[in-house]
Amino acid sequence: MNVNLLVVDDNPADRSLLKRYMSKAGNVVHIREAETAKDALTILKGREKIDCVFLDYRLPDQDGISLLKEIYDKESDLGPFPVVMLTGQGSESVIIDAIRYGAQDYLIKDNISPDTLHIAITKARELFNLKKKGSEDKALLVHTQKMKAVGQLTGGIAHDFNNLLTIIFGNTRLLEVMLNKPKPEKSECLEKVKVIQKAARRGAELVKRLMLFSRQRALEPQIINLNQLITDLDQLLQRALGDFVEIHLSLEEPIHNINVDPGQLEHAIINMAVNARDAMIEGGTLTLRTENVTLDKGEAEKLKLITGDYVCLSVTDNGLGMEEDVRKNIFEPFFTTKDPGKGTGLGLSMVYDFVRQSGGAITVQSERNQGTTFRIFIPREDVKKEEKSSEEAQEFSPVTGGHETILVVEDEEDIRFLARTILQEYGYTILEASSGQEAIDVVLREKQNIDMLFTDITMPGEINGVQAAARIQSLRPDIKLIFSTGYMSGTLPDMDLAGRYPMINKPYQPEELLSMIRKTFDG
């Protein structure tokens, strides 16, 4: 990412930290600095190219919210510009005001890392472009709604990760003890390895689910089994809803397949579940029910659907219920019964839009003190899908190695060591580089002796993996190329080049890497 930033912060140490982190994230960064709001306004009025403003809340001459208002004042002659608010304590009132007055995102200083900075800039610029297209209010509030939902899941995900890390740490220690015995029992060692692998897979799925849930993107429908999605989501839901809400599943088997965006469907379920939790003030039961249904002409007309087979998902709570005037407006944008600052009124509106875009319908049944039931109807998908467990999905066909030479470019030493070990075990000759510039130097030195470049995308320094690959391709147009990344594709830099070549997502299995490399060589 080539980006021009303005950092408005009176603390030199904080400004220095941001600069260092941005460099580590593999970006080409040009940073202007301002210690006061007055200095910032001088720079902004100078019509310099500014891609994003990092704005501290506490400034010597005025607070960050006041400066934010000036930046977004329609009567002023400023930008406006994408803004990310920086706060020291994560005050909810500051965050709400920041989003309300135009900031695209916020970061708590103690939680800043190279990755969070990279994602914050990407998202801020995306949301800013949405505003230019006339979607300002809704884009900002949708982002706030999603950030709130992600925040509600954070504690539960941290809990699950700590459990998984306990399993991994404990079993690696046991494995170490067992291998130090004079005659290690092979079967017992393999058992520990399988437990570690299973925990790692579960961790990878948690990361994938959270990234799918939090990213903003167009719908990406795929054929799924709704029962499997709900079963996988159950534990995460329980963490989000807390100990006072009991979740009951009633899933019809076999259930028809449906064609929807799984990440957005999970988002919809969590939205409805959180609303249900808020309606059950003293706790209660949330029931998720799936069933195959056939809509006749009369039923279909009421739902504005065509006749045929559907999968119905019901979300039922035994909470306070709704009055008729609330029920009639529940799917309207910005309609909310919550106190100011407690909700945007977009949650159920977003669910409604998603369901309609997926070719379905949603209804609500509720009475005061009688609880609430939301029912979502999604068309049956006739294409058959072979169901596999997460463990079965990890199985790979037998792989073969080769004798080609591969340049592995990765700034994380342990990951580089892992890739080298895997590939050498299968006969490949490996060269290594820890940065984009070092990779270019290796190619210049080795000339024609390298058959493939296997490079991470995001690396420290002025040249990231994509930029290094472009330079190397100009030197060696015939070289094979594979990218690796820990990001979702929507947040990656320089996707014009990276999107044209094979890409493997971290964490990857050895068999997955070997299979992709062999396929790239032979294809």
Protein backbone atom coordinates (compact mmCIF):
# COMPACT_ATOMS: atom_id res chain seq x y z
CA MET A 1 0.00 0.00 0.00
CA ASN A 2 1.36 3.42 -1.01
CA VAL A 3 -0.28 5.89 1.33
CA ASN A 4 -0.01 9.51 2.49
CA LEU A 5 -0.96 9.94 6.15
CA LEU A 6 -1.47 12.86 8.49
CA VAL A 7 -0.90 11.93 12.14
CA VAL A 8 -2.38 14.49 14.56
CA ASP A 9 -1.05 13.70 18.04
CA ASP A 10 0.90 15.81 20.53
CA ASN A 11 2.77 12.76 21.88
CA PRO A 12 6.02 12.21 19.89
CA ALA A 13 6.29 8.61 21.14
CA ASP A 14 2.82 7.75 19.81
CA ARG A 15 3.61 9.34 16.44
CA SER A 16 6.88 7.41 16.25
CA LEU A 17 5.10 4.15 17.08
CA LEU A 18 2.56 4.65 14.30
CA LYS A 19 5.33 5.34 11.79
CA ARG A 20 7.23 2.22 12.84
CA TYR A 21 4.15 0.00 12.70
CA MET A 22 3.15 1.29 9.28
CA SER A 23 6.61 0.50 7.95
CA LYS A 24 6.49 -2.99 9.48
CA ALA A 25 3.18 -3.68 7.75
CA GLY A 26 4.98 -3.47 4.40
CA ASN A 27 3.59 -0.13 3.27
CA VAL A 28 5.22 2.72 1.39
CA VAL A 29 4.25 5.52 3.76
CA HIS A 30 4.62 9.29 3.55
CA ILE A 31 3.70 10.79 6.91
CA ARG A 32 2.99 14.40 7.83
CA GLU A 33 2.86 15.15 11.54
CA ALA A 34 0.91 17.74 13.54
CA GLU A 35 1.06 18.31 17.29
CA THR A 36 -2.00 20.57 17.50
CA ALA A 37 -5.34 21.04 15.80
CA LYS A 38 -4.10 24.36 14.43
CA ASP A 39 -1.09 22.67 12.79
CA ALA A 40 -3.36 19.99 11.33
CA LEU A 41 -5.72 22.56 9.81
CA THR A 42 -2.77 24.37 8.24
CA ILE A 43 -1.63 21.15 6.55
CA LEU A 44 -5.15 20.18 5.43
CA LYS A 45 -5.81 23.63 3.98
CA GLY A 46 -2.57 23.34 2.03
CA ARG A 47 -4.28 20.92 -0.37
CA GLU A 48 -1.64 18.24 0.07
CA LYS A 49 -2.59 14.72 -0.93
CA ILE A 50 -3.79 13.04 2.27
CA ASP A 51 -5.19 9.51 2.04
CA CYS A 52 -6.08 9.14 5.71
CA VAL A 53 -5.93 11.19 8.93
CA PHE A 54 -5.09 9.57 12.28
CA LEU A 55 -6.57 11.95 14.85
CA ASP A 56 -5.90 11.76 18.58
CA TYR A 57 -8.82 12.69 20.82
CA ARG A 58 -6.73 14.73 23.27
CA LEU A 59 -4.92 17.70 21.72
CA PRO A 60 -3.40 20.77 23.44
CA ASP A 61 -5.60 23.40 21.79
CA GLN A 62 -8.90 21.53 21.28
CA ASP A 63 -10.26 18.02 21.43
CA GLY A 64 -10.25 15.67 18.46
CA ILE A 65 -14.04 15.65 18.07
CA SER A 66 -14.06 19.44 17.57
CA LEU A 67 -11.38 19.13 14.90
CA LEU A 68 -13.29 16.26 13.30
CA LYS A 69 -16.37 18.50 13.05
CA GLU A 70 -14.28 21.15 11.28
CA ILE A 71 -12.90 18.60 8.83
CA TYR A 72 -16.43 17.46 7.91
CA ASP A 73 -18.12 20.87 8.07
CA LYS A 74 -19.82 21.36 4.71
CA GLU A 75 -19.27 25.11 5.00
CA SER A 76 -15.50 24.75 5.38
CA ASP A 77 -13.05 24.60 2.50
CA LEU A 78 -11.39 21.42 3.77
CA GLY A 79 -11.23 17.96 2.07
CA PRO A 80 -12.91 16.17 3.68
CA PHE A 81 -10.60 13.24 4.33
CA PRO A 82 -10.89 9.68 5.69
CA VAL A 83 -10.38 9.87 9.47
CA VAL A 84 -9.46 7.23 12.05
CA MET A 85 -9.92 8.45 15.65
CA LEU A 86 -7.28 7.45 18.22
CA THR A 87 -8.32 7.07 21.85
CA GLY A 88 -6.33 6.17 24.93
CA GLN A 89 -9.02 4.40 26.95
CA GLY A 90 -11.65 3.35 24.41
CA SER A 91 -14.35 5.62 25.91
CA GLU A 92 -17.72 4.58 24.47
CA SER A 93 -18.98 8.18 24.32
CA VAL A 94 -15.87 9.30 22.39
CA ILE A 95 -16.22 6.40 19.94
CA ILE A 96 -19.92 7.12 19.36
CA ASP A 97 -19.24 10.83 18.81
CA ALA A 98 -16.35 10.05 16.46
CA ILE A 99 -18.51 7.83 14.24
CA ARG A 100 -21.43 10.27 14.46
CA TYR A 101 -19.37 13.23 13.27
CA GLY A 102 -17.72 11.49 10.35
CA ALA A 103 -14.82 9.25 11.42
CA GLN A 104 -14.68 6.00 9.47
CA ASP A 105 -13.08 3.99 12.27
CA TYR A 106 -11.41 4.20 15.66
CA LEU A 107 -8.40 2.56 17.30
CA ILE A 108 -7.55 2.19 20.98
CA LYS A 109 -3.86 3.04 21.35
CA ASP A 110 -3.01 0.09 23.58
CA ASN A 111 -4.43 -2.31 20.96
CA ILE A 112 -2.67 -0.89 17.90
CA SER A 113 -0.55 -3.26 15.81
CA PRO A 114 0.73 -3.29 12.20
CA ASP A 115 -2.26 -5.43 11.19
CA THR A 116 -4.90 -3.23 12.85
CA LEU A 117 -3.36 -0.12 11.26
CA HIS A 118 -3.35 -1.73 7.81
CA ILE A 119 -6.98 -2.83 8.11
CA ALA A 120 -8.11 0.50 9.61
CA ILE A 121 -6.64 2.47 6.69
CA THR A 122 -8.13 0.09 4.12
CA LYS A 123 -11.58 0.20 5.71
CA ALA A 124 -11.49 3.97 6.27
CA ARG A 125 -10.72 4.60 2.61
CA GLU A 126 -13.42 2.15 1.48
CA LEU A 127 -16.07 3.80 3.66
CA PHE A 128 -14.95 7.26 2.57
CA ASN A 129 -15.44 6.28 -1.07
CA LEU A 130 -18.93 5.05 -0.20
CA LYS A 131 -19.72 8.50 1.19
CA LYS A 132 -18.64 10.06 -2.10
CA LYS A 133 -21.23 7.94 -3.85
CA GLY A 134 -24.02 9.33 -1.70
CA SER A 135 -24.17 6.57 0.94
CA GLU A 136 -22.65 8.56 3.82
CA ASP A 137 -25.12 8.05 6.66
CA LYS A 138 -25.95 4.43 6.00
CA ALA A 139 -22.35 3.38 5.33
CA LEU A 140 -21.15 4.86 8.60
CA LEU A 141 -23.99 3.41 10.66
CA VAL A 142 -23.70 -0.02 9.06
CA HIS A 143 -20.02 0.04 9.95
CA THR A 144 -20.89 1.04 13.53
CA GLN A 145 -23.45 -1.75 13.76
CA LYS A 146 -20.96 -4.32 12.54
CA MET A 147 -18.23 -3.03 14.85
CA LYS A 148 -20.65 -3.33 17.76
CA ALA A 149 -21.50 -6.90 16.83
CA VAL A 150 -17.83 -7.80 16.46
CA GLY A 151 -17.20 -6.28 19.87
CA GLN A 152 -19.90 -8.47 21.39
CA LEU A 153 -18.15 -11.54 20.00
CA THR A 154 -14.63 -10.56 21.03
CA GLY A 155 -14.86 -11.80 24.61
CA GLY A 156 -16.23 -15.16 23.53
CA ILE A 157 -13.62 -15.63 20.85
CA ALA A 158 -10.84 -14.74 23.29
CA HIS A 159 -12.24 -17.35 25.68
CA ASP A 160 -12.31 -20.00 22.94
CA PHE A 161 -8.78 -19.13 21.83
CA ASN A 162 -7.47 -19.42 25.37
CA ASN A 163 -9.04 -22.88 25.58
CA LEU A 164 -7.42 -23.91 22.30
CA LEU A 165 -4.04 -22.51 23.33
CA THR A 166 -4.28 -24.43 26.59
CA ILE A 167 -4.83 -27.63 24.59
CA ILE A 168 -1.92 -26.86 22.26
CA PHE A 169 0.55 -25.76 24.95
CA GLY A 170 -0.36 -28.65 27.23
CA ASN A 171 -0.09 -31.34 24.60
CA THR A 172 3.16 -30.01 23.13
CA ARG A 173 4.66 -30.14 26.61
CA LEU A 174 3.38 -33.70 27.13
CA LEU A 175 4.76 -34.65 23.72
CA GLU A 176 8.15 -33.21 24.67
CA VAL A 177 8.17 -35.27 27.89
CA MET A 178 7.16 -38.46 26.05
CA LEU A 179 9.83 -38.01 23.36
CA ASN A 180 12.51 -37.63 26.03
CA LYS A 181 11.79 -41.13 27.33
CA PRO A 182 14.30 -43.86 26.35
CA LYS A 183 11.65 -45.64 24.29
CA PRO A 184 8.83 -43.25 23.33
CA GLU A 185 5.48 -44.91 22.66
CA LYS A 186 4.73 -44.03 19.04
CA SER A 187 0.95 -44.44 19.30
CA GLU A 188 0.75 -42.14 22.34
CA CYS A 189 2.87 -39.50 20.59
CA LEU A 190 0.70 -39.64 17.48
CA GLU A 191 -2.40 -39.26 19.65
CA LYS A 192 -1.02 -36.00 21.09
CA VAL A 193 -0.13 -34.77 17.60
CA LYS A 194 -3.72 -35.37 16.43
CA VAL A 195 -5.12 -33.45 19.41
CA ILE A 196 -2.82 -30.50 18.63
CA GLN A 197 -3.79 -30.57 14.95
CA LYS A 198 -7.49 -30.61 15.81
CA ALA A 199 -7.12 -27.61 18.14
CA ALA A 200 -5.16 -25.70 15.49
CA ARG A 201 -7.87 -26.40 12.89
CA ARG A 202 -10.54 -25.12 15.28
CA GLY A 203 -8.48 -21.97 15.84
CA ALA A 204 -8.16 -21.42 12.10
CA GLU A 205 -11.93 -21.79 11.68
CA LEU A 206 -12.53 -19.23 14.45
CA VAL A 207 -10.28 -16.71 12.71
CA LYS A 208 -11.92 -17.35 9.35
CA ARG A 209 -15.41 -16.93 10.81
CA LEU A 210 -14.55 -13.65 12.52
CA MET A 211 -12.87 -12.24 9.39
CA LEU A 212 -15.81 -13.23 7.20
CA PHE A 213 -18.20 -11.71 9.71
CA SER A 214 -16.40 -8.39 10.09
CA ARG A 215 -15.36 -7.59 6.52
CA GLN A 216 -17.50 -5.44 4.24
CA ARG A 217 -18.05 -6.90 0.82
CA ALA A 218 -20.63 -7.84 -1.79
CA LEU A 219 -22.63 -11.03 -1.28
CA GLU A 220 -20.70 -14.19 -2.15
CA PRO A 221 -23.34 -16.96 -2.15
CA GLN A 222 -22.42 -20.61 -2.03
CA ILE A 223 -24.29 -23.85 -1.49
CA ILE A 224 -24.43 -24.64 2.22
CA ASN A 225 -26.15 -26.88 4.73
CA LEU A 226 -27.98 -24.62 7.20
CA ASN A 227 -27.87 -27.18 10.00
CA GLN A 228 -24.10 -27.43 9.74
CA LEU A 229 -23.72 -23.64 9.78
CA ILE A 230 -25.88 -23.34 12.91
CA THR A 231 -24.06 -26.18 14.65
CA ASP A 232 -20.70 -24.56 13.91
CA LEU A 233 -22.03 -21.20 15.14
CA ASP A 234 -23.61 -22.55 18.34
CA GLN A 235 -20.60 -22.14 20.62
CA LEU A 236 -19.83 -18.66 19.32
CA LEU A 237 -23.46 -17.64 19.87
CA GLN A 238 -23.40 -18.90 23.44
CA ARG A 239 -20.34 -16.78 24.16
CA ALA A 240 -22.01 -13.70 22.67
CA LEU A 241 -25.31 -14.16 24.54
CA GLY A 242 -23.88 -14.95 27.97
CA ASP A 243 -24.70 -17.46 30.68
CA PHE A 244 -28.27 -16.29 31.31
CA VAL A 245 -29.54 -17.29 27.86
CA GLU A 246 -29.97 -20.98 27.04
CA ILE A 247 -29.75 -21.92 23.36
CA HIS A 248 -31.95 -24.75 22.12
CA LEU A 249 -31.49 -26.24 18.64
CA SER A 250 -34.26 -28.06 16.77
CA LEU A 251 -32.84 -29.01 13.36
CA GLU A 252 -34.76 -31.06 10.82
CA GLU A 253 -32.72 -33.81 9.17
CA PRO A 254 -32.09 -34.04 6.33
CA ILE A 255 -32.39 -30.34 5.53
CA HIS A 256 -32.37 -29.03 1.96
CA ASN A 257 -29.30 -27.15 0.76
CA ILE A 258 -29.54 -23.38 0.24
CA ASN A 259 -27.48 -20.92 -1.81
CA VAL A 260 -26.53 -17.93 0.38
CA ASP A 261 -23.51 -15.98 1.61
CA PRO A 262 -22.55 -17.93 4.77
CA GLY A 263 -20.77 -15.01 6.43
CA GLN A 264 -23.77 -12.71 5.97
CA LEU A 265 -26.16 -15.43 7.15
CA GLU A 266 -24.11 -15.84 10.32
CA HIS A 267 -24.24 -12.07 10.74
CA ALA A 268 -28.04 -12.15 10.39
CA ILE A 269 -28.41 -14.95 12.95
CA ILE A 270 -26.17 -13.16 15.45
CA ASN A 271 -28.10 -9.91 14.95
CA MET A 272 -31.42 -11.62 15.70
CA ALA A 273 -29.92 -13.53 18.63
CA VAL A 274 -28.49 -10.37 20.22
CA ASN A 275 -31.86 -8.62 19.83
CA ALA A 276 -33.49 -11.62 21.49
CA ARG A 277 -31.02 -11.48 24.37
CA ASP A 278 -31.79 -7.80 24.92
CA ALA A 279 -35.50 -8.65 25.10
CA MET A 280 -34.91 -11.34 27.76
CA ILE A 281 -33.90 -9.00 30.57
CA GLU A 282 -33.80 -11.74 33.22
CA GLY A 283 -32.50 -14.43 30.87
CA GLY A 284 -34.45 -17.04 28.97
CA THR A 285 -34.36 -19.51 26.09
CA LEU A 286 -33.42 -18.83 22.48
CA THR A 287 -34.62 -21.52 20.06
CA LEU A 288 -33.18 -21.98 16.58
CA ARG A 289 -35.34 -24.26 14.44
CA THR A 290 -34.85 -25.40 10.85
CA GLU A 291 -37.41 -27.15 8.66
CA ASN A 292 -38.12 -27.92 5.03
CA VAL A 293 -41.34 -26.22 3.89
CA THR A 294 -43.35 -26.02 0.68
CA LEU A 295 -45.16 -22.75 0.04
CA ASP A 296 -48.46 -22.91 -1.84
CA LYS A 297 -49.75 -20.02 -3.94
CA GLY A 298 -51.46 -18.19 -1.07
CA GLU A 299 -48.50 -18.48 1.32
CA ALA A 300 -46.02 -17.47 -1.36
CA GLU A 301 -48.03 -14.38 -2.35
CA LYS A 302 -48.13 -13.16 1.27
CA LEU A 303 -44.34 -13.40 1.41
CA LYS A 304 -43.89 -11.99 -2.12
CA LEU A 305 -42.19 -15.24 -3.17
CA ILE A 306 -42.88 -17.85 -5.82
CA THR A 307 -44.39 -21.21 -4.95
CA GLY A 308 -41.98 -24.04 -4.24
CA ASP A 309 -39.64 -25.59 -1.69
CA TYR A 310 -37.86 -23.50 0.92
CA VAL A 311 -35.76 -23.91 4.03
CA CYS A 312 -37.22 -22.07 7.01
CA LEU A 313 -35.08 -20.82 9.91
CA SER A 314 -37.00 -19.74 13.02
CA VAL A 315 -35.40 -17.71 15.80
CA THR A 316 -37.64 -17.65 18.89
CA ASP A 317 -37.21 -16.03 22.29
CA ASN A 318 -39.42 -15.91 25.38
CA GLY A 319 -38.69 -12.27 26.11
CA LEU A 320 -40.77 -9.12 26.41
CA GLY A 321 -42.27 -9.24 22.93
CA MET A 322 -43.42 -6.22 20.91
CA GLU A 323 -46.40 -3.92 20.62
CA GLU A 324 -48.08 -3.78 17.22
CA ASP A 325 -46.64 -0.37 16.28
CA VAL A 326 -43.11 -1.64 16.98
CA ARG A 327 -43.70 -4.88 15.08
CA LYS A 328 -44.91 -3.04 11.97
CA ASN A 329 -41.76 -0.90 11.78
CA ILE A 330 -39.17 -3.40 12.98
CA PHE A 331 -37.44 -3.79 9.58
CA GLU A 332 -37.37 -0.06 8.78
CA PRO A 333 -33.89 1.52 8.56
CA PHE A 334 -32.93 3.55 11.65
CA PHE A 335 -35.97 2.36 13.62
CA THR A 336 -34.95 1.40 17.15
CA THR A 337 -36.55 1.09 20.58
CA LYS A 338 -33.18 1.36 22.33
CA ASP A 339 -31.88 4.42 24.15
CA PRO A 340 -29.73 6.90 22.19
CA GLY A 341 -26.23 5.55 21.73
CA LYS A 342 -27.36 1.97 22.39
CA GLY A 343 -28.31 1.02 18.84
CA THR A 344 -28.42 2.37 15.30
CA GLY A 345 -31.67 0.78 14.19
CA LEU A 346 -29.93 -0.87 11.24
CA GLY A 347 -29.45 -4.41 12.55
CA LEU A 348 -32.77 -5.93 11.49
CA SER A 349 -32.91 -3.69 8.42
CA MET A 350 -29.63 -5.24 7.31
CA VAL A 351 -31.04 -8.72 7.97
CA TYR A 352 -34.10 -7.88 5.86
CA ASP A 353 -31.97 -6.58 2.98
CA PHE A 354 -29.72 -9.65 3.06
CA VAL A 355 -32.66 -12.08 3.05
CA ARG A 356 -34.34 -10.29 0.14
CA GLN A 357 -31.09 -10.19 -1.85
CA SER A 358 -30.84 -13.94 -1.27
CA GLY A 359 -34.24 -14.53 -2.89
CA GLY A 360 -36.03 -15.11 0.41
CA ALA A 361 -38.38 -13.47 2.90
CA ILE A 362 -38.48 -12.74 6.63
CA THR A 363 -41.48 -12.45 8.95
CA VAL A 364 -41.95 -11.57 12.61
CA GLN A 365 -44.58 -12.77 15.07
CA SER A 366 -44.71 -11.13 18.48
CA GLU A 367 -47.04 -10.00 21.24
CA ARG A 368 -46.34 -8.08 24.40
CA ASN A 369 -44.98 -10.44 27.09
CA GLN A 370 -45.36 -13.42 24.72
CA GLY A 371 -41.92 -13.48 23.13
CA THR A 372 -40.91 -13.08 19.50
CA THR A 373 -40.32 -15.38 16.52
CA PHE A 374 -38.47 -14.36 13.36
CA ARG A 375 -38.84 -16.73 10.40
CA ILE A 376 -36.51 -16.62 7.41
CA PHE A 377 -37.43 -18.44 4.19
CA ILE A 378 -34.63 -19.22 1.72
CA PRO A 379 -35.25 -21.08 -1.58
CA ARG A 380 -34.15 -24.69 -1.74
CA GLU A 381 -31.04 -25.26 -3.82
CA ASP A 382 -31.38 -28.34 -6.04
CA VAL A 383 -27.63 -28.83 -6.61
CA LYS A 384 -26.48 -31.63 -4.34
CA LYS A 385 -23.57 -30.94 -2.04
CA GLU A 386 -21.46 -33.65 -0.50
CA GLU A 387 -21.25 -32.93 3.22
CA LYS A 388 -17.92 -33.36 4.95
CA SER A 389 -16.84 -32.84 8.50
CA SER A 390 -14.12 -30.27 9.19
CA GLU A 391 -11.66 -33.14 9.75
CA GLU A 392 -12.62 -34.81 6.46
CA ALA A 393 -12.32 -31.50 4.65
CA GLN A 394 -8.70 -31.33 5.73
CA GLU A 395 -7.79 -34.57 3.97
CA PHE A 396 -5.72 -34.21 0.79
CA SER A 397 -4.84 -36.49 -2.08
CA PRO A 398 -1.35 -38.00 -1.99
CA VAL A 399 1.18 -35.35 -3.01
CA THR A 400 4.45 -35.60 -4.88
CA GLY A 401 7.56 -33.46 -4.65
CA GLY A 402 10.08 -32.37 -7.24
CA HIS A 403 13.61 -31.18 -7.88
CA GLU A 404 12.96 -27.55 -8.83
CA THR A 405 14.45 -24.57 -6.97
CA ILE A 406 12.03 -22.37 -5.00
CA LEU A 407 12.72 -18.96 -3.47
CA VAL A 408 10.73 -18.67 -0.22
CA VAL A 409 10.13 -15.05 0.85
CA GLU A 410 8.69 -14.61 4.36
CA ASP A 411 9.58 -12.16 7.14
CA GLU A 412 8.41 -14.49 9.95
CA GLU A 413 11.42 -16.73 10.58
CA ASP A 414 9.43 -19.65 12.01
CA ILE A 415 7.04 -19.70 9.05
CA ARG A 416 9.97 -19.51 6.64
CA PHE A 417 11.62 -22.41 8.48
CA LEU A 418 8.41 -24.43 8.27
CA ALA A 419 8.02 -23.86 4.52
CA ARG A 420 11.68 -24.70 3.90
CA THR A 421 11.46 -27.91 5.92
CA ILE A 422 8.28 -29.07 4.18
CA LEU A 423 9.62 -28.41 0.69
CA GLN A 424 13.10 -29.82 1.30
CA GLU A 425 11.51 -32.99 2.66
CA TYR A 426 9.90 -33.47 -0.76
CA GLY A 427 13.05 -32.91 -2.79
CA TYR A 428 12.93 -29.21 -3.64
CA THR A 429 15.98 -26.95 -3.42
CA ILE A 430 15.19 -23.90 -1.29
CA LEU A 431 16.55 -20.36 -1.28
CA GLU A 432 15.33 -17.88 1.33
CA ALA A 433 14.69 -14.17 1.77
CA SER A 434 13.15 -12.24 4.65
CA SER A 435 12.06 -9.14 2.71
CA GLY A 436 11.04 -7.99 -0.74
CA GLN A 437 14.35 -6.27 -1.40
CA GLU A 438 16.33 -9.32 -0.28
CA ALA A 439 14.28 -11.47 -2.66
CA ILE A 440 15.18 -9.19 -5.57
CA ASP A 441 18.85 -9.36 -4.57
CA VAL A 442 18.72 -13.19 -4.49
CA VAL A 443 17.21 -13.33 -7.98
CA LEU A 444 19.83 -10.92 -9.33
CA ARG A 445 22.55 -13.10 -7.81
CA GLU A 446 21.19 -16.50 -8.82
CA LYS A 447 19.99 -15.39 -12.27
CA GLN A 448 18.39 -18.42 -14.01
CA ASN A 449 18.64 -20.89 -11.13
CA ILE A 450 15.23 -20.15 -9.56
CA ASP A 451 12.10 -21.86 -10.87
CA MET A 452 9.45 -20.44 -8.51
CA LEU A 453 8.86 -17.47 -6.22
CA PHE A 454 6.75 -18.32 -3.15
CA THR A 455 6.22 -15.04 -1.30
CA ASP A 456 4.18 -13.57 1.51
CA ILE A 457 2.32 -10.41 0.49
CA THR A 458 2.64 -8.22 3.59
CA MET A 459 6.21 -7.65 4.78
CA PRO A 460 8.20 -4.86 6.44
CA GLY A 461 10.24 -2.40 4.42
CA GLU A 462 9.44 -0.30 1.39
CA ILE A 463 8.88 -3.29 -0.93
CA ASN A 464 6.09 -5.73 -0.12
CA GLY A 465 5.68 -9.18 -1.65
CA VAL A 466 3.57 -8.06 -4.59
CA GLN A 467 5.96 -5.26 -5.50
CA ALA A 468 8.92 -7.62 -5.23
CA ALA A 469 7.14 -10.14 -7.46
CA ALA A 470 6.49 -7.48 -10.11
CA ARG A 471 10.17 -6.51 -10.12
CA ILE A 472 11.30 -10.15 -10.26
CA GLN A 473 8.90 -10.88 -13.12
CA SER A 474 10.48 -8.05 -15.10
CA LEU A 475 13.83 -9.83 -14.62
CA ARG A 476 12.48 -13.35 -15.08
CA PRO A 477 9.16 -13.39 -16.99
CA ASP A 478 9.17 -17.21 -16.98
CA ILE A 479 9.33 -17.64 -13.20
CA LYS A 480 6.41 -19.42 -11.50
CA LEU A 481 4.66 -17.45 -8.75
CA ILE A 482 2.57 -18.28 -5.65
CA PHE A 483 1.47 -15.77 -2.99
CA SER A 484 0.65 -16.44 0.65
CA THR A 485 -1.31 -14.24 3.06
CA GLY A 486 -2.98 -14.11 6.43
CA TYR A 487 -5.48 -11.47 5.26
CA MET A 488 -8.86 -11.81 3.58
CA SER A 489 -8.53 -10.96 -0.11
CA GLY A 490 -10.66 -7.82 0.22
CA THR A 491 -8.06 -6.09 2.43
CA LEU A 492 -4.95 -7.02 0.45
CA PRO A 493 -2.72 -4.43 -1.23
CA ASP A 494 -1.99 -4.42 -4.97
CA MET A 495 -4.56 -7.07 -5.83
CA ASP A 496 -4.30 -6.28 -9.56
CA LEU A 497 -1.18 -8.46 -9.70
CA ALA A 498 -1.77 -10.81 -6.76
CA GLY A 499 -5.25 -11.72 -7.97
CA ARG A 500 -3.87 -13.23 -11.18
CA TYR A 501 -1.76 -15.90 -9.47
CA PRO A 502 -2.31 -18.81 -7.08
CA MET A 503 -2.69 -17.74 -3.46
CA ILE A 504 -2.58 -19.86 -0.32
CA ASN A 505 -4.13 -18.59 2.89
CA LYS A 506 -2.47 -18.95 6.28
CA PRO A 507 -2.64 -21.18 8.17
CA TYR A 508 -2.02 -23.82 5.51
CA GLN A 509 -1.43 -27.56 5.72
CA PRO A 510 1.82 -29.03 4.30
CA GLU A 511 -0.20 -31.12 1.85
CA GLU A 512 -2.07 -28.03 0.67
CA LEU A 513 1.17 -26.17 -0.05
CA LEU A 514 2.79 -29.14 -1.78
CA SER A 515 -0.28 -29.75 -3.92
CA MET A 516 -0.49 -26.11 -5.04
CA ILE A 517 3.23 -25.98 -5.89
CA ARG A 518 3.12 -29.19 -7.91
CA LYS A 519 -0.04 -28.08 -9.71
CA THR A 520 1.56 -24.71 -10.56
CA PHE A 521 4.68 -26.37 -11.95
CA ASP A 522 2.76 -28.98 -13.94
CA GLY A 523 -0.09 -26.74 -15.06
